[in-house]
């Protein structure tokens, strides 16, 4: 076995958000055409740790693969494995940054096809690492000039606004009320761990795109 190993640093160097968007869109096209398959997430639980696993096949690339990650009180660890058509392991990839980019790219593909072409503003619920790539991906496909960010933590939303304003060269405005990150905006993104809805649907503009990318647990529902 002579598999390639890519670290988080390697992924950050090799993959940018534009490439991630193109790859994710191609994957959706292939999936819709029946040229790829995707197995939903499964979980195995033990005291103090949960193992999450997903798998997929991309015959057009000659690859099958899996992504597994563990969650504990100390955090999460992510790993991806790829195999060729002979069943040989071809790559192991540390997959935290990869997951961030892929999740952001999914929202960008949705925005490309479903959001108003000239949408220049967006609302962002959440100020964590997933929120960062959500906003960056959106800015890659829409002429984003201003984003309004809400988080229950004032400190986090202020830091997020400063950081993303510099990174994307747009105005990122921290807001004190959830309504301000949803009301009359063409695009609203939620990337939280909330167990209850984070905004009132009556605040949404007609035709707004809502990208809900937060928790995948049944006990949490951000919209």
C-alpha atoms as a PDB file:
ATOM      1  CA  UNK A   1       0.000   0.000   0.000  1.00  0.00           C
ATOM      2  CA  UNK A   2       1.354   3.411  -0.981  1.00  0.00           C
ATOM      3  CA  UNK A   3      -1.491   5.737  -0.021  1.00  0.00           C
ATOM      4  CA  UNK A   4      -1.259   9.514  -0.067  1.00  0.00           C
ATOM      5  CA  UNK A   5      -1.695  11.233   3.300  1.00  0.00           C
ATOM      6  CA  UNK A   6      -2.962  14.809   3.418  1.00  0.00           C
ATOM      7  CA  UNK A   7      -2.908  16.808   6.644  1.00  0.00           C
ATOM      8  CA  UNK A   8      -5.184  19.701   7.552  1.00  0.00           C
ATOM      9  CA  UNK A   9      -2.395  22.040   6.423  1.00  0.00           C
ATOM     10  CA  UNK A  10      -2.184  20.244   3.056  1.00  0.00           C
ATOM     11  CA  UNK A  11      -5.940  20.576   2.526  1.00  0.00           C
ATOM     12  CA  UNK A  12      -5.825  24.282   3.352  1.00  0.00           C
ATOM     13  CA  UNK A  13      -3.016  24.784   0.835  1.00  0.00           C
ATOM     14  CA  UNK A  14      -4.500  22.689  -1.990  1.00  0.00           C
ATOM     15  CA  UNK A  15      -8.220  23.471  -1.818  1.00  0.00           C
ATOM     16  CA  UNK A  16      -9.864  26.882  -2.042  1.00  0.00           C
ATOM     17  CA  UNK A  17     -13.547  27.741  -1.910  1.00  0.00           C
ATOM     18  CA  UNK A  18     -13.964  28.228  -5.679  1.00  0.00           C
ATOM     19  CA  UNK A  19     -12.583  24.779  -6.464  1.00  0.00           C
ATOM     20  CA  UNK A  20     -14.746  23.285  -3.702  1.00  0.00           C
ATOM     21  CA  UNK A  21     -17.863  24.863  -5.229  1.00  0.00           C
ATOM     22  CA  UNK A  22     -17.075  23.471  -8.685  1.00  0.00           C
ATOM     23  CA  UNK A  23     -16.426  19.960  -7.331  1.00  0.00           C
ATOM     24  CA  UNK A  24     -19.588  19.931  -5.192  1.00  0.00           C
ATOM     25  CA  UNK A  25     -21.750  21.111  -8.092  1.00  0.00           C
ATOM     26  CA  UNK A  26     -20.326  18.381 -10.322  1.00  0.00           C
ATOM     27  CA  UNK A  27     -21.029  15.812  -7.590  1.00  0.00           C
ATOM     28  CA  UNK A  28     -24.661  16.930  -7.353  1.00  0.00           C
ATOM     29  CA  UNK A  29     -25.030  16.675 -11.133  1.00  0.00           C
ATOM     30  CA  UNK A  30     -23.605  13.157 -11.141  1.00  0.00           C
ATOM     31  CA  UNK A  31     -25.780  12.121  -8.200  1.00  0.00           C
ATOM     32  CA  UNK A  32     -28.912  13.408  -9.971  1.00  0.00           C
ATOM     33  CA  UNK A  33     -27.942  11.495 -13.111  1.00  0.00           C
ATOM     34  CA  UNK A  34     -27.500   8.252 -11.165  1.00  0.00           C
ATOM     35  CA  UNK A  35     -23.739   8.303 -11.749  1.00  0.00           C
ATOM     36  CA  UNK A  36     -22.839   8.475  -8.058  1.00  0.00           C
ATOM     37  CA  UNK A  37     -24.277   7.222  -4.783  1.00  0.00           C
ATOM     38  CA  UNK A  38     -24.337   8.535  -1.248  1.00  0.00           C
ATOM     39  CA  UNK A  39     -25.032   6.666   2.018  1.00  0.00           C
ATOM     40  CA  UNK A  40     -26.620   8.751   4.803  1.00  0.00           C
ATOM     41  CA  UNK A  41     -24.820   9.330   8.083  1.00  0.00           C
ATOM     42  CA  UNK A  42     -24.799   6.542  10.643  1.00  0.00           C
ATOM     43  CA  UNK A  43     -23.810   6.778  14.298  1.00  0.00           C
ATOM     44  CA  UNK A  44     -22.314   4.348  16.796  1.00  0.00           C
ATOM     45  CA  UNK A  45     -22.369   5.450  20.429  1.00  0.00           C
ATOM     46  CA  UNK A  46     -20.269   4.497  23.416  1.00  0.00           C
ATOM     47  CA  UNK A  47     -19.864   6.210  26.791  1.00  0.00           C
ATOM     48  CA  UNK A  48     -18.208   9.555  26.146  1.00  0.00           C
ATOM     49  CA  UNK A  49     -17.812   9.204  22.383  1.00  0.00           C
ATOM     50  CA  UNK A  50     -19.891   8.999  19.207  1.00  0.00           C
ATOM     51  CA  UNK A  51     -18.551   7.692  15.894  1.00  0.00           C
ATOM     52  CA  UNK A  52     -20.237   9.214  12.837  1.00  0.00           C
ATOM     53  CA  UNK A  53     -19.713   7.559   9.443  1.00  0.00           C
ATOM     54  CA  UNK A  54     -20.736   8.295   5.857  1.00  0.00           C
ATOM     55  CA  UNK A  55     -19.767   6.666   2.570  1.00  0.00           C
ATOM     56  CA  UNK A  56     -20.162   7.303  -1.138  1.00  0.00           C
ATOM     57  CA  UNK A  57     -19.178   6.075  -4.574  1.00  0.00           C
ATOM     58  CA  UNK A  58     -18.056   8.196  -7.535  1.00  0.00           C
ATOM     59  CA  UNK A  59     -17.584   5.822 -10.483  1.00  0.00           C
ATOM     60  CA  UNK A  60     -16.852   8.778 -12.778  1.00  0.00           C
ATOM     61  CA  UNK A  61     -13.699   9.309 -10.696  1.00  0.00           C
ATOM     62  CA  UNK A  62     -13.005   5.617 -10.225  1.00  0.00           C
ATOM     63  CA  UNK A  63     -13.263   6.025  -6.453  1.00  0.00           C
ATOM     64  CA  UNK A  64     -15.257   4.960  -3.429  1.00  0.00           C
ATOM     65  CA  UNK A  65     -14.741   6.414  -0.005  1.00  0.00           C
ATOM     66  CA  UNK A  66     -15.820   7.137   3.523  1.00  0.00           C
ATOM     67  CA  UNK A  67     -15.691   9.946   6.010  1.00  0.00           C
ATOM     68  CA  UNK A  68     -15.660   9.205   9.725  1.00  0.00           C
ATOM     69  CA  UNK A  69     -15.455  11.505  12.686  1.00  0.00           C
ATOM     70  CA  UNK A  70     -15.659  11.216  16.436  1.00  0.00           C
ATOM     71  CA  UNK A  71     -17.261  13.676  18.828  1.00  0.00           C
ATOM     72  CA  UNK A  72     -16.409  13.889  22.522  1.00  0.00           C
ATOM     73  CA  UNK A  73     -16.479  16.551  25.216  1.00  0.00           C
ATOM     74  CA  UNK A  74     -13.004  17.513  24.014  1.00  0.00           C
ATOM     75  CA  UNK A  75     -14.150  18.172  20.425  1.00  0.00           C
ATOM     76  CA  UNK A  76     -14.277  16.387  17.076  1.00  0.00           C
ATOM     77  CA  UNK A  77     -11.750  14.612  14.849  1.00  0.00           C
ATOM     78  CA  UNK A  78     -12.323  13.990  11.138  1.00  0.00           C
ATOM     79  CA  UNK A  79     -10.782  11.537   8.665  1.00  0.00           C
ATOM     80  CA  UNK A  80     -11.590  10.619   5.063  1.00  0.00           C
ATOM     81  CA  UNK A  81     -10.474   7.521   3.136  1.00  0.00           C
ATOM     82  CA  UNK A  82     -10.483   6.920  -0.633  1.00  0.00           C
ATOM     83  CA  UNK A  83     -10.144   3.597  -2.498  1.00  0.00           C
ATOM     84  CA  UNK A  84      -9.623   2.883  -6.194  1.00  0.00           C
ATOM     85  CA  UNK A  85     -11.522   0.380  -8.338  1.00  0.00           C
ATOM     86  CA  UNK A  86      -9.146  -2.384  -7.288  1.00  0.00           C
ATOM     87  CA  UNK A  87     -10.075  -1.767  -3.665  1.00  0.00           C
ATOM     88  CA  UNK A  88      -6.679  -0.298  -2.823  1.00  0.00           C
ATOM     89  CA  UNK A  89      -6.487   2.556  -0.349  1.00  0.00           C
ATOM     90  CA  UNK A  90      -5.285   5.589  -2.320  1.00  0.00           C
ATOM     91  CA  UNK A  91      -5.594   8.425   0.184  1.00  0.00           C
ATOM     92  CA  UNK A  92      -6.210   9.307   3.809  1.00  0.00           C
ATOM     93  CA  UNK A  93      -7.204  12.911   4.394  1.00  0.00           C
ATOM     94  CA  UNK A  94      -7.593  14.858   7.619  1.00  0.00           C
ATOM     95  CA  UNK A  95     -11.036  16.271   6.970  1.00  0.00           C
ATOM     96  CA  UNK A  96     -11.989  19.116   9.316  1.00  0.00           C
ATOM     97  CA  UNK A  97     -11.097  21.928   6.897  1.00  0.00           C
ATOM     98  CA  UNK A  98     -12.370  19.808   4.015  1.00  0.00           C
ATOM     99  CA  UNK A  99     -15.765  19.559   5.704  1.00  0.00           C
ATOM    100  CA  UNK A 100     -15.875  23.304   6.287  1.00  0.00           C
ATOM    101  CA  UNK A 101     -15.209  24.015   2.615  1.00  0.00           C
ATOM    102  CA  UNK A 102     -17.588  21.341   1.361  1.00  0.00           C
ATOM    103  CA  UNK A 103     -20.432  22.609   3.573  1.00  0.00           C
ATOM    104  CA  UNK A 104     -19.871  26.178   2.463  1.00  0.00           C
ATOM    105  CA  UNK A 105     -19.698  25.053  -1.160  1.00  0.00           C
ATOM    106  CA  UNK A 106     -23.067  23.316  -0.845  1.00  0.00           C
ATOM    107  CA  UNK A 107     -24.689  26.594   0.198  1.00  0.00           C
ATOM    108  CA  UNK A 108     -22.938  28.392  -2.655  1.00  0.00           C
ATOM    109  CA  UNK A 109     -24.325  25.919  -5.210  1.00  0.00           C
ATOM    110  CA  UNK A 110     -27.813  26.456  -3.782  1.00  0.00           C
ATOM    111  CA  UNK A 111     -27.323  30.231  -4.008  1.00  0.00           C
ATOM    112  CA  UNK A 112     -26.100  30.024  -7.604  1.00  0.00           C
ATOM    113  CA  UNK A 113     -29.302  28.281  -8.654  1.00  0.00           C
ATOM    114  CA  UNK A 114     -31.922  29.653  -6.261  1.00  0.00           C
ATOM    115  CA  UNK A 115     -30.907  33.077  -4.923  1.00  0.00           C
ATOM    116  CA  UNK A 116     -31.544  36.372  -6.684  1.00  0.00           C
ATOM    117  CA  UNK A 117     -28.629  37.002  -9.107  1.00  0.00           C
ATOM    118  CA  UNK A 118     -27.976  40.497  -7.744  1.00  0.00           C
ATOM    119  CA  UNK A 119     -28.344  39.615  -4.054  1.00  0.00           C
ATOM    120  CA  UNK A 120     -25.913  41.943  -2.295  1.00  0.00           C
ATOM    121  CA  UNK A 121     -26.934  41.349   1.316  1.00  0.00           C
ATOM    122  CA  UNK A 122     -27.307  38.306   3.533  1.00  0.00           C
ATOM    123  CA  UNK A 123     -28.111  37.361   7.103  1.00  0.00           C
ATOM    124  CA  UNK A 124     -25.888  34.979   9.084  1.00  0.00           C
ATOM    125  CA  UNK A 125     -26.907  33.133  12.222  1.00  0.00           C
ATOM    126  CA  UNK A 126     -23.882  31.689  13.990  1.00  0.00           C
ATOM    127  CA  UNK A 127     -20.312  32.902  14.328  1.00  0.00           C
ATOM    128  CA  UNK A 128     -18.288  29.701  14.379  1.00  0.00           C
ATOM    129  CA  UNK A 129     -15.906  28.090  11.905  1.00  0.00           C
ATOM    130  CA  UNK A 130     -18.736  26.796   9.701  1.00  0.00           C
ATOM    131  CA  UNK A 131     -20.177  30.303   9.463  1.00  0.00           C
ATOM    132  CA  UNK A 132     -16.862  31.577   8.107  1.00  0.00           C
ATOM    133  CA  UNK A 133     -16.863  29.319   5.049  1.00  0.00           C
ATOM    134  CA  UNK A 134     -20.586  29.861   4.542  1.00  0.00           C
ATOM    135  CA  UNK A 135     -20.036  33.580   4.096  1.00  0.00           C
ATOM    136  CA  UNK A 136     -16.884  33.127   2.033  1.00  0.00           C
ATOM    137  CA  UNK A 137     -18.614  30.692  -0.301  1.00  0.00           C
ATOM    138  CA  UNK A 138     -21.614  32.968  -0.720  1.00  0.00           C
ATOM    139  CA  UNK A 139     -19.328  35.888  -1.564  1.00  0.00           C
ATOM    140  CA  UNK A 140     -17.787  33.751  -4.313  1.00  0.00           C
ATOM    141  CA  UNK A 141     -21.099  33.375  -6.180  1.00  0.00           C
ATOM    142  CA  UNK A 142     -23.036  36.561  -5.403  1.00  0.00           C
ATOM    143  CA  UNK A 143     -22.022  40.255  -5.406  1.00  0.00           C
ATOM    144  CA  UNK A 144     -22.123  40.397  -1.619  1.00  0.00           C
ATOM    145  CA  UNK A 145     -21.571  43.837  -0.142  1.00  0.00           C
ATOM    146  CA  UNK A 146     -23.052  43.524   3.345  1.00  0.00           C
ATOM    147  CA  UNK A 147     -23.847  40.738   5.797  1.00  0.00           C
ATOM    148  CA  UNK A 148     -25.617  40.921   9.135  1.00  0.00           C
ATOM    149  CA  UNK A 149     -24.454  38.413  11.746  1.00  0.00           C
ATOM    150  CA  UNK A 150     -26.276  37.331  14.887  1.00  0.00           C
ATOM    151  CA  UNK A 151     -24.932  35.089  17.628  1.00  0.00           C
ATOM    152  CA  UNK A 152     -26.106  34.711  21.214  1.00  0.00           C
ATOM    153  CA  UNK A 153     -22.557  35.640  22.213  1.00  0.00           C
ATOM    154  CA  UNK A 154     -21.893  39.332  21.675  1.00  0.00           C
ATOM    155  CA  UNK A 155     -18.154  38.711  21.892  1.00  0.00           C
ATOM    156  CA  UNK A 156     -18.250  36.052  19.169  1.00  0.00           C
ATOM    157  CA  UNK A 157     -20.388  38.057  16.750  1.00  0.00           C
ATOM    158  CA  UNK A 158     -18.175  41.121  17.151  1.00  0.00           C
ATOM    159  CA  UNK A 159     -15.021  39.094  16.536  1.00  0.00           C
ATOM    160  CA  UNK A 160     -16.636  37.319  13.571  1.00  0.00           C
ATOM    161  CA  UNK A 161     -17.702  40.617  12.004  1.00  0.00           C
ATOM    162  CA  UNK A 162     -14.215  42.090  12.305  1.00  0.00           C
ATOM    163  CA  UNK A 163     -12.511  38.963  10.996  1.00  0.00           C
ATOM    164  CA  UNK A 164     -14.806  38.411   8.008  1.00  0.00           C
ATOM    165  CA  UNK A 165     -14.896  42.089   7.057  1.00  0.00           C
ATOM    166  CA  UNK A 166     -11.134  41.971   6.655  1.00  0.00           C
ATOM    167  CA  UNK A 167     -11.108  38.603   4.907  1.00  0.00           C
ATOM    168  CA  UNK A 168     -13.848  39.309   2.357  1.00  0.00           C
ATOM    169  CA  UNK A 169     -13.528  43.105   2.044  1.00  0.00           C
ATOM    170  CA  UNK A 170     -17.253  43.550   2.662  1.00  0.00           C
ATOM    171  CA  UNK A 171     -19.246  45.145   5.459  1.00  0.00           C
ATOM    172  CA  UNK A 172     -20.135  42.581   8.129  1.00  0.00           C
ATOM    173  CA  UNK A 173     -22.474  44.051  10.730  1.00  0.00           C
ATOM    174  CA  UNK A 174     -22.969  42.416  14.157  1.00  0.00           C
ATOM    175  CA  UNK A 175     -26.602  42.781  15.235  1.00  0.00           C
ATOM    176  CA  UNK A 176     -28.235  42.574  18.655  1.00  0.00           C
ATOM    177  CA  UNK A 177     -31.586  41.108  17.587  1.00  0.00           C
ATOM    178  CA  UNK A 178     -32.237  37.980  15.499  1.00  0.00           C
ATOM    179  CA  UNK A 179     -34.753  39.849  13.362  1.00  0.00           C
ATOM    180  CA  UNK A 180     -31.997  42.042  11.995  1.00  0.00           C
ATOM    181  CA  UNK A 181     -30.253  39.031  10.440  1.00  0.00           C
ATOM    182  CA  UNK A 182     -33.413  37.817   8.699  1.00  0.00           C
ATOM    183  CA  UNK A 183     -35.737  40.709   7.965  1.00  0.00           C
ATOM    184  CA  UNK A 184     -36.190  41.511   4.273  1.00  0.00           C
ATOM    185  CA  UNK A 185     -32.888  39.907   3.244  1.00  0.00           C
ATOM    186  CA  UNK A 186     -32.558  37.882   0.013  1.00  0.00           C
ATOM    187  CA  UNK A 187     -30.381  35.174   1.626  1.00  0.00           C
ATOM    188  CA  UNK A 188     -30.398  33.889   5.206  1.00  0.00           C
ATOM    189  CA  UNK A 189     -27.928  31.270   6.462  1.00  0.00           C
ATOM    190  CA  UNK A 190     -28.171  29.406   9.757  1.00  0.00           C
ATOM    191  CA  UNK A 191     -25.103  27.606  11.106  1.00  0.00           C
ATOM    192  CA  UNK A 192     -25.867  27.022  14.760  1.00  0.00           C
ATOM    193  CA  UNK A 193     -26.384  24.275  17.336  1.00  0.00           C
ATOM    194  CA  UNK A 194     -29.698  25.734  18.481  1.00  0.00           C
ATOM    195  CA  UNK A 195     -32.482  23.395  19.607  1.00  0.00           C
ATOM    196  CA  UNK A 196     -35.124  26.022  18.817  1.00  0.00           C
ATOM    197  CA  UNK A 197     -35.806  28.194  15.733  1.00  0.00           C
ATOM    198  CA  UNK A 198     -33.429  31.138  15.551  1.00  0.00           C
ATOM    199  CA  UNK A 199     -35.721  33.486  13.621  1.00  0.00           C
ATOM    200  CA  UNK A 200     -39.408  34.058  12.875  1.00  0.00           C
ATOM    201  CA  UNK A 201     -40.387  33.005   9.373  1.00  0.00           C
ATOM    202  CA  UNK A 202     -42.649  36.040   9.091  1.00  0.00           C
ATOM    203  CA  UNK A 203     -39.501  38.186   8.957  1.00  0.00           C
ATOM    204  CA  UNK A 204     -38.340  36.618   5.697  1.00  0.00           C
ATOM    205  CA  UNK A 205     -38.587  38.487   2.416  1.00  0.00           C
ATOM    206  CA  UNK A 206     -40.703  36.924  -0.303  1.00  0.00           C
ATOM    207  CA  UNK A 207     -38.494  34.605  -2.373  1.00  0.00           C
ATOM    208  CA  UNK A 208     -35.646  34.577   0.174  1.00  0.00           C
ATOM    209  CA  UNK A 209     -33.255  31.653   0.103  1.00  0.00           C
ATOM    210  CA  UNK A 210     -32.754  30.006   3.500  1.00  0.00           C
ATOM    211  CA  UNK A 211     -29.718  27.747   3.845  1.00  0.00           C
ATOM    212  CA  UNK A 212     -30.012  25.779   7.088  1.00  0.00           C
ATOM    213  CA  UNK A 213     -26.682  24.055   7.604  1.00  0.00           C
ATOM    214  CA  UNK A 214     -26.546  23.642  11.382  1.00  0.00           C
ATOM    215  CA  UNK A 215     -26.814  20.545  13.514  1.00  0.00           C
ATOM    216  CA  UNK A 216     -27.821  17.198  12.003  1.00  0.00           C
ATOM    217  CA  UNK A 217     -29.269  15.870  15.280  1.00  0.00           C
ATOM    218  CA  UNK A 218     -33.053  15.384  15.532  1.00  0.00           C
ATOM    219  CA  UNK A 219     -33.042  17.089  18.925  1.00  0.00           C
ATOM    220  CA  UNK A 220     -31.784  20.350  17.417  1.00  0.00           C
ATOM    221  CA  UNK A 221     -33.821  22.431  14.991  1.00  0.00           C
ATOM    222  CA  UNK A 222     -32.576  25.921  14.134  1.00  0.00           C
ATOM    223  CA  UNK A 223     -35.472  26.666  11.783  1.00  0.00           C
END
